[in-house]
PDB file of all heavy atoms in Angstrom:
ATOM      1  N   GLY A   1      54.244 164.782 -34.194  1.00  0.00           N
ATOM      2  CA  GLY A   1      55.107 163.927 -35.002  1.00  0.00           C
ATOM      3  C   GLY A   1      54.732 164.020 -36.458  1.00  0.00           C
ATOM      4  O   GLY A   1      53.843 164.799 -36.902  1.00  0.00           O
ATOM      5  N   GLY A   2      55.363 163.216 -37.277  1.00  0.00           N
ATOM      6  CA  GLY A   2      55.109 163.213 -38.723  1.00  0.00           C
ATOM      7  C   GLY A   2      53.656 162.869 -39.034  1.00  0.00           C
ATOM      8  O   GLY A   2      52.982 163.566 -39.769  1.00  0.00           O
ATOM      9  N   VAL A   3      53.155 161.772 -38.454  1.00  0.00           N
ATOM     10  CA  VAL A   3      51.767 161.380 -38.604  1.00  0.00           C
ATOM     11  C   VAL A   3      50.834 162.440 -37.997  1.00  0.00           C
ATOM     12  O   VAL A   3      49.810 162.802 -38.520  1.00  0.00           O
ATOM     13  CB  VAL A   3      51.503 159.991 -38.061  1.00  0.00           C
ATOM     14  CG1 VAL A   3      50.013 159.606 -38.143  1.00  0.00           C
ATOM     15  CG2 VAL A   3      52.318 158.943 -38.846  1.00  0.00           C
ATOM     16  N   GLY A   4      51.283 162.849 -36.801  1.00  0.00           N
ATOM     17  CA  GLY A   4      50.445 163.748 -36.011  1.00  0.00           C
ATOM     18  C   GLY A   4      50.138 165.081 -36.672  1.00  0.00           C
ATOM     19  O   GLY A   4      48.980 165.548 -36.650  1.00  0.00           O
ATOM     20  N   LEU A   5      51.160 165.688 -37.290  1.00  0.00           N
ATOM     21  CA  LEU A   5      50.944 166.994 -37.913  1.00  0.00           C
ATOM     22  C   LEU A   5      50.019 166.888 -39.134  1.00  0.00           C
ATOM     23  O   LEU A   5      49.244 167.787 -39.432  1.00  0.00           O
ATOM     24  CB  LEU A   5      52.244 167.649 -38.297  1.00  0.00           C
ATOM     25  CG  LEU A   5      53.138 168.163 -37.143  1.00  0.00           C
ATOM     26  CD1 LEU A   5      54.356 168.872 -37.652  1.00  0.00           C
ATOM     27  CD2 LEU A   5      52.359 169.038 -36.162  1.00  0.00           C
ATOM     28  N   ILE A   6      50.104 165.766 -39.841  1.00  0.00           N
ATOM     29  CA  ILE A   6      49.189 165.563 -40.942  1.00  0.00           C
ATOM     30  C   ILE A   6      47.787 165.330 -40.400  1.00  0.00           C
ATOM     31  O   ILE A   6      46.803 165.858 -40.890  1.00  0.00           O
ATOM     32  CB  ILE A   6      49.658 164.345 -41.830  1.00  0.00           C
ATOM     33  CG1 ILE A   6      50.964 164.638 -42.492  1.00  0.00           C
ATOM     34  CG2 ILE A   6      48.592 163.972 -42.844  1.00  0.00           C
ATOM     35  CD1 ILE A   6      51.579 163.474 -43.159  1.00  0.00           C
ATOM     36  N   ALA A   7      47.682 164.546 -39.267  1.00  0.00           N
ATOM     37  CA  ALA A   7      46.408 164.377 -38.661  1.00  0.00           C
ATOM     38  C   ALA A   7      45.768 165.611 -38.181  1.00  0.00           C
ATOM     39  O   ALA A   7      44.489 165.806 -38.337  1.00  0.00           O
ATOM     40  CB  ALA A   7      46.545 163.326 -37.528  1.00  0.00           C
ATOM     41  N   CYS A   8      46.507 166.502 -37.597  1.00  0.00           N
ATOM     42  CA  CYS A   8      45.961 167.786 -37.147  1.00  0.00           C
ATOM     43  C   CYS A   8      45.264 168.528 -38.271  1.00  0.00           C
ATOM     44  O   CYS A   8      44.147 169.058 -38.122  1.00  0.00           O
ATOM     45  CB  CYS A   8      47.093 168.651 -36.599  1.00  0.00           C
ATOM     46  SG  CYS A   8      47.872 168.154 -35.061  1.00  0.00           S
ATOM     47  N   GLN A   9      45.953 168.565 -39.449  1.00  0.00           N
ATOM     48  CA  GLN A   9      45.414 169.319 -40.562  1.00  0.00           C
ATOM     49  C   GLN A   9      44.197 168.599 -41.213  1.00  0.00           C
ATOM     50  O   GLN A   9      43.207 169.195 -41.563  1.00  0.00           O
ATOM     51  CB  GLN A   9      46.488 169.477 -41.641  1.00  0.00           C
ATOM     52  CG  GLN A   9      47.701 170.284 -41.123  1.00  0.00           C
ATOM     53  CD  GLN A   9      48.834 170.274 -42.122  1.00  0.00           C
ATOM     54  OE1 GLN A   9      48.789 170.995 -43.142  1.00  0.00           O
ATOM     55  NE2 GLN A   9      49.820 169.442 -41.867  1.00  0.00           N
ATOM     56  N   TRP A  10      44.290 167.288 -41.277  1.00  0.00           N
ATOM     57  CA  TRP A  10      43.232 166.495 -41.889  1.00  0.00           C
ATOM     58  C   TRP A  10      41.952 166.565 -41.028  1.00  0.00           C
ATOM     59  O   TRP A  10      40.827 166.677 -41.481  1.00  0.00           O
ATOM     60  CB  TRP A  10      43.644 165.092 -42.070  1.00  0.00           C
ATOM     61  CG  TRP A  10      42.992 164.332 -43.272  1.00  0.00           C
ATOM     62  CD1 TRP A  10      41.662 164.321 -43.547  1.00  0.00           C
ATOM     63  CD2 TRP A  10      43.650 163.547 -44.243  1.00  0.00           C
ATOM     64  NE1 TRP A  10      41.426 163.558 -44.629  1.00  0.00           N
ATOM     65  CE2 TRP A  10      42.611 163.061 -45.130  1.00  0.00           C
ATOM     66  CE3 TRP A  10      44.942 163.211 -44.499  1.00  0.00           C
ATOM     67  CZ2 TRP A  10      42.891 162.200 -46.212  1.00  0.00           C
ATOM     68  CZ3 TRP A  10      45.240 162.363 -45.590  1.00  0.00           C
ATOM     69  CH2 TRP A  10      44.194 161.875 -46.423  1.00  0.00           C
ATOM     70  N   ALA A  11      42.172 166.471 -39.659  1.00  0.00           N
ATOM     71  CA  ALA A  11      41.021 166.566 -38.754  1.00  0.00           C
ATOM     72  C   ALA A  11      40.295 167.927 -38.915  1.00  0.00           C
ATOM     73  O   ALA A  11      39.089 168.020 -38.944  1.00  0.00           O
ATOM     74  CB  ALA A  11      41.443 166.305 -37.343  1.00  0.00           C
ATOM     75  N   LYS A  12      41.124 168.976 -38.985  1.00  0.00           N
ATOM     76  CA  LYS A  12      40.529 170.314 -39.147  1.00  0.00           C
ATOM     77  C   LYS A  12      39.772 170.417 -40.434  1.00  0.00           C
ATOM     78  O   LYS A  12      38.621 170.962 -40.442  1.00  0.00           O
ATOM     79  CB  LYS A  12      41.640 171.374 -39.123  1.00  0.00           C
ATOM     80  CG  LYS A  12      41.149 172.788 -39.216  1.00  0.00           C
ATOM     81  CD  LYS A  12      42.259 173.788 -39.170  1.00  0.00           C
ATOM     82  CE  LYS A  12      41.746 175.220 -39.282  1.00  0.00           C
ATOM     83  NZ  LYS A  12      42.850 176.233 -39.235  1.00  0.00           N
ATOM     84  N   ALA A  13      40.282 169.846 -41.483  1.00  0.00           N
ATOM     85  CA  ALA A  13      39.597 169.892 -42.849  1.00  0.00           C
ATOM     86  C   ALA A  13      38.271 169.126 -42.755  1.00  0.00           C
ATOM     87  O   ALA A  13      37.325 169.485 -43.458  1.00  0.00           O
ATOM     88  CB  ALA A  13      40.476 169.313 -43.900  1.00  0.00           C
ATOM     89  N   LEU A  14      38.235 168.080 -41.910  1.00  0.00           N
ATOM     90  CA  LEU A  14      36.973 167.300 -41.796  1.00  0.00           C
ATOM     91  C   LEU A  14      36.002 167.844 -40.836  1.00  0.00           C
ATOM     92  O   LEU A  14      34.863 167.361 -40.688  1.00  0.00           O
ATOM     93  CB  LEU A  14      37.379 165.888 -41.363  1.00  0.00           C
ATOM     94  CG  LEU A  14      38.098 164.984 -42.366  1.00  0.00           C
ATOM     95  CD1 LEU A  14      38.503 163.681 -41.724  1.00  0.00           C
ATOM     96  CD2 LEU A  14      37.215 164.704 -43.575  1.00  0.00           C
ATOM     97  N   GLY A  15      36.381 168.891 -40.092  1.00  0.00           N
ATOM     98  CA  GLY A  15      35.471 169.483 -39.079  1.00  0.00           C
ATOM     99  C   GLY A  15      35.480 168.649 -37.814  1.00  0.00           C
ATOM    100  O   GLY A  15      34.446 168.631 -37.106  1.00  0.00           O
ATOM    101  N   VAL A  16      36.596 168.054 -37.480  1.00  0.00           N
ATOM    102  CA  VAL A  16      36.751 167.190 -36.279  1.00  0.00           C
ATOM    103  C   VAL A  16      37.442 167.956 -35.177  1.00  0.00           C
ATOM    104  O   VAL A  16      38.463 168.649 -35.469  1.00  0.00           O
ATOM    105  CB  VAL A  16      37.460 165.893 -36.611  1.00  0.00           C
ATOM    106  CG1 VAL A  16      37.846 165.099 -35.378  1.00  0.00           C
ATOM    107  CG2 VAL A  16      36.619 165.000 -37.569  1.00  0.00           C
ATOM    108  N   THR A  17      36.975 167.836 -33.944  1.00  0.00           N
ATOM    109  CA  THR A  17      37.685 168.389 -32.822  1.00  0.00           C
ATOM    110  C   THR A  17      38.763 167.396 -32.370  1.00  0.00           C
ATOM    111  O   THR A  17      38.457 166.311 -31.944  1.00  0.00           O
ATOM    112  CB  THR A  17      36.737 168.640 -31.633  1.00  0.00           C
ATOM    113  OG1 THR A  17      35.768 169.630 -32.073  1.00  0.00           O
ATOM    114  CG2 THR A  17      37.463 169.175 -30.419  1.00  0.00           C
ATOM    115  N   MET A  18      40.014 167.815 -32.485  1.00  0.00           N
ATOM    116  CA  MET A  18      41.133 166.887 -32.165  1.00  0.00           C
ATOM    117  C   MET A  18      41.791 167.310 -30.936  1.00  0.00           C
ATOM    118  O   MET A  18      42.239 168.439 -30.713  1.00  0.00           O
ATOM    119  CB  MET A  18      42.152 166.865 -33.309  1.00  0.00           C
ATOM    120  CG  MET A  18      43.371 166.010 -33.078  1.00  0.00           C
ATOM    121  SD  MET A  18      44.319 165.699 -34.559  1.00  0.00           S
ATOM    122  CE  MET A  18      45.945 165.420 -33.871  1.00  0.00           C
ATOM    123  N   ILE A  19      41.865 166.384 -29.951  1.00  0.00           N
ATOM    124  CA  ILE A  19      42.657 166.528 -28.739  1.00  0.00           C
ATOM    125  C   ILE A  19      43.937 165.802 -28.986  1.00  0.00           C
ATOM    126  O   ILE A  19      43.921 164.587 -29.220  1.00  0.00           O
ATOM    127  CB  ILE A  19      41.984 165.956 -27.514  1.00  0.00           C
ATOM    128  CG1 ILE A  19      40.534 166.570 -27.308  1.00  0.00           C
ATOM    129  CG2 ILE A  19      42.781 166.101 -26.214  1.00  0.00           C
ATOM    130  CD1 ILE A  19      39.662 165.871 -26.271  1.00  0.00           C
ATOM    131  N   GLY A  20      45.083 166.489 -28.881  1.00  0.00           N
ATOM    132  CA  GLY A  20      46.354 165.905 -29.234  1.00  0.00           C
ATOM    133  C   GLY A  20      47.303 165.921 -28.017  1.00  0.00           C
ATOM    134  O   GLY A  20      47.351 166.888 -27.288  1.00  0.00           O
ATOM    135  N   THR A  21      47.973 164.815 -27.784  1.00  0.00           N
ATOM    136  CA  THR A  21      48.994 164.800 -26.706  1.00  0.00           C
ATOM    137  C   THR A  21      50.376 165.063 -27.339  1.00  0.00           C
ATOM    138  O   THR A  21      50.689 164.686 -28.453  1.00  0.00           O
ATOM    139  CB  THR A  21      49.008 163.485 -25.931  1.00  0.00           C
ATOM    140  OG1 THR A  21      49.523 162.407 -26.813  1.00  0.00           O
ATOM    141  CG2 THR A  21      47.704 163.088 -25.434  1.00  0.00           C
ATOM    142  N   VAL A  22      51.237 165.756 -26.572  1.00  0.00           N
ATOM    143  CA  VAL A  22      52.583 166.103 -26.974  1.00  0.00           C
ATOM    144  C   VAL A  22      53.507 165.982 -25.750  1.00  0.00           C
ATOM    145  O   VAL A  22      53.045 165.849 -24.610  1.00  0.00           O
ATOM    146  CB  VAL A  22      52.647 167.564 -27.512  1.00  0.00           C
ATOM    147  CG1 VAL A  22      51.838 167.710 -28.789  1.00  0.00           C
ATOM    148  CG2 VAL A  22      52.121 168.563 -26.470  1.00  0.00           C
ATOM    149  N   GLY A  23      54.828 166.066 -25.981  1.00  0.00           N
ATOM    150  CA  GLY A  23      55.804 165.925 -24.943  1.00  0.00           C
ATOM    151  C   GLY A  23      56.366 167.177 -24.440  1.00  0.00           C
ATOM    152  O   GLY A  23      57.201 167.213 -23.492  1.00  0.00           O
ATOM    153  N   SER A  24      56.031 168.332 -25.033  1.00  0.00           N
ATOM    154  CA  SER A  24      56.561 169.616 -24.585  1.00  0.00           C
ATOM    155  C   SER A  24      55.602 170.745 -25.028  1.00  0.00           C
ATOM    156  O   SER A  24      54.769 170.572 -25.930  1.00  0.00           O
ATOM    157  CB  SER A  24      57.932 169.878 -25.159  1.00  0.00           C
ATOM    158  OG  SER A  24      57.871 170.067 -26.584  1.00  0.00           O
ATOM    159  N   ASP A  25      55.777 171.912 -24.395  1.00  0.00           N
ATOM    160  CA  ASP A  25      54.925 173.002 -24.779  1.00  0.00           C
ATOM    161  C   ASP A  25      55.238 173.491 -26.184  1.00  0.00           C
ATOM    162  O   ASP A  25      54.366 173.934 -26.932  1.00  0.00           O
ATOM    163  CB  ASP A  25      55.138 174.198 -23.792  1.00  0.00           C
ATOM    164  CG  ASP A  25      54.599 173.898 -22.421  1.00  0.00           C
ATOM    165  OD1 ASP A  25      53.736 172.972 -22.287  1.00  0.00           O
ATOM    166  OD2 ASP A  25      55.018 174.562 -21.430  1.00  0.00           O
ATOM    167  N   GLU A  26      56.523 173.385 -26.587  1.00  0.00           N
ATOM    168  CA  GLU A  26      56.924 173.771 -27.968  1.00  0.00           C
ATOM    169  C   GLU A  26      56.189 172.844 -28.977  1.00  0.00           C
ATOM    170  O   GLU A  26      55.658 173.361 -29.987  1.00  0.00           O
ATOM    171  CB  GLU A  26      58.430 173.697 -28.136  1.00  0.00           C
ATOM    172  CG  GLU A  26      59.214 174.672 -27.328  1.00  0.00           C
ATOM    173  CD  GLU A  26      59.340 174.342 -25.895  1.00  0.00           C
ATOM    174  OE1 GLU A  26      59.045 173.146 -25.498  1.00  0.00           O
ATOM    175  OE2 GLU A  26      59.794 175.193 -25.072  1.00  0.00           O
ATOM    176  N   LYS A  27      56.143 171.590 -28.688  1.00  0.00           N
ATOM    177  CA  LYS A  27      55.476 170.692 -29.648  1.00  0.00           C
ATOM    178  C   LYS A  27      53.940 170.921 -29.589  1.00  0.00           C
ATOM    179  O   LYS A  27      53.224 170.812 -30.620  1.00  0.00           O
ATOM    180  CB  LYS A  27      55.761 169.228 -29.260  1.00  0.00           C
ATOM    181  CG  LYS A  27      57.167 168.803 -29.614  1.00  0.00           C
ATOM    182  CD  LYS A  27      57.385 167.319 -29.403  1.00  0.00           C
ATOM    183  CE  LYS A  27      58.741 166.930 -29.917  1.00  0.00           C
ATOM    184  NZ  LYS A  27      59.013 165.433 -29.767  1.00  0.00           N
ATOM    185  N   GLY A  28      53.434 171.350 -28.449  1.00  0.00           N
ATOM    186  CA  GLY A  28      52.015 171.698 -28.366  1.00  0.00           C
ATOM    187  C   GLY A  28      51.668 172.863 -29.231  1.00  0.00           C
ATOM    188  O   GLY A  28      50.637 172.886 -29.892  1.00  0.00           O
ATOM    189  N   ALA A  29      52.496 173.922 -29.232  1.00  0.00           N
ATOM    190  CA  ALA A  29      52.289 175.070 -30.034  1.00  0.00           C
ATOM    191  C   ALA A  29      52.312 174.685 -31.536  1.00  0.00           C
ATOM    192  O   ALA A  29      51.559 175.193 -32.329  1.00  0.00           O
ATOM    193  CB  ALA A  29      53.371 176.135 -29.726  1.00  0.00           C
ATOM    194  N   LEU A  30      53.242 173.754 -31.874  1.00  0.00           N
ATOM    195  CA  LEU A  30      53.361 173.305 -33.265  1.00  0.00           C
ATOM    196  C   LEU A  30      52.057 172.594 -33.718  1.00  0.00           C
ATOM    197  O   LEU A  30      51.527 172.850 -34.774  1.00  0.00           O
ATOM    198  CB  LEU A  30      54.558 172.408 -33.397  1.00  0.00           C
ATOM    199  CG  LEU A  30      54.886 171.930 -34.805  1.00  0.00           C
ATOM    200  CD1 LEU A  30      55.248 173.030 -35.725  1.00  0.00           C
ATOM    201  CD2 LEU A  30      56.049 170.877 -34.771  1.00  0.00           C
ATOM    202  N   ALA A  31      51.567 171.705 -32.857  1.00  0.00           N
ATOM    203  CA  ALA A  31      50.335 170.991 -33.157  1.00  0.00           C
ATOM    204  C   ALA A  31      49.175 171.947 -33.337  1.00  0.00           C
ATOM    205  O   ALA A  31      48.350 171.803 -34.247  1.00  0.00           O
ATOM    206  CB  ALA A  31      50.049 169.926 -32.072  1.00  0.00           C
ATOM    207  N   LYS A  32      49.056 172.906 -32.433  1.00  0.00           N
ATOM    208  CA  LYS A  32      47.950 173.879 -32.488  1.00  0.00           C
ATOM    209  C   LYS A  32      48.027 174.679 -33.780  1.00  0.00           C
ATOM    210  O   LYS A  32      47.012 174.953 -34.412  1.00  0.00           O
ATOM    211  CB  LYS A  32      47.925 174.767 -31.238  1.00  0.00           C
ATOM    212  CG  LYS A  32      47.532 174.119 -29.998  1.00  0.00           C
ATOM    213  CD  LYS A  32      46.857 175.076 -29.004  1.00  0.00           C
ATOM    214  CE  LYS A  32      45.443 175.360 -29.368  1.00  0.00           C
ATOM    215  NZ  LYS A  32      44.684 176.072 -28.298  1.00  0.00           N
ATOM    216  N   ALA A  33      49.271 175.059 -34.144  1.00  0.00           N
ATOM    217  CA  ALA A  33      49.426 175.846 -35.375  1.00  0.00           C
ATOM    218  C   ALA A  33      49.014 175.031 -36.636  1.00  0.00           C
ATOM    219  O   ALA A  33      48.732 175.663 -37.644  1.00  0.00           O
ATOM    220  CB  ALA A  33      50.903 176.221 -35.496  1.00  0.00           C
ATOM    221  N   HIS A  34      48.938 173.743 -36.536  1.00  0.00           N
ATOM    222  CA  HIS A  34      48.554 172.910 -37.627  1.00  0.00           C
ATOM    223  C   HIS A  34      47.107 172.485 -37.550  1.00  0.00           C
ATOM    224  O   HIS A  34      46.643 171.626 -38.374  1.00  0.00           O
ATOM    225  CB  HIS A  34      49.486 171.723 -37.782  1.00  0.00           C
ATOM    226  CG  HIS A  34      50.797 172.045 -38.348  1.00  0.00           C
ATOM    227  ND1 HIS A  34      51.772 172.660 -37.598  1.00  0.00           N
ATOM    228  CD2 HIS A  34      51.337 171.869 -39.582  1.00  0.00           C
ATOM    229  CE1 HIS A  34      52.840 172.849 -38.372  1.00  0.00           C
ATOM    230  NE2 HIS A  34      52.612 172.403 -39.565  1.00  0.00           N
TER     231      HIS A  34
END
């Protein structure tokens, strides 16, 4: 989601391992790409 994609990037920048939940494989690929 909107908050989620920002969180994915911010977590990566902080060196945090983020486990994210999504509602479809397509959304999962989007989250991983971020």
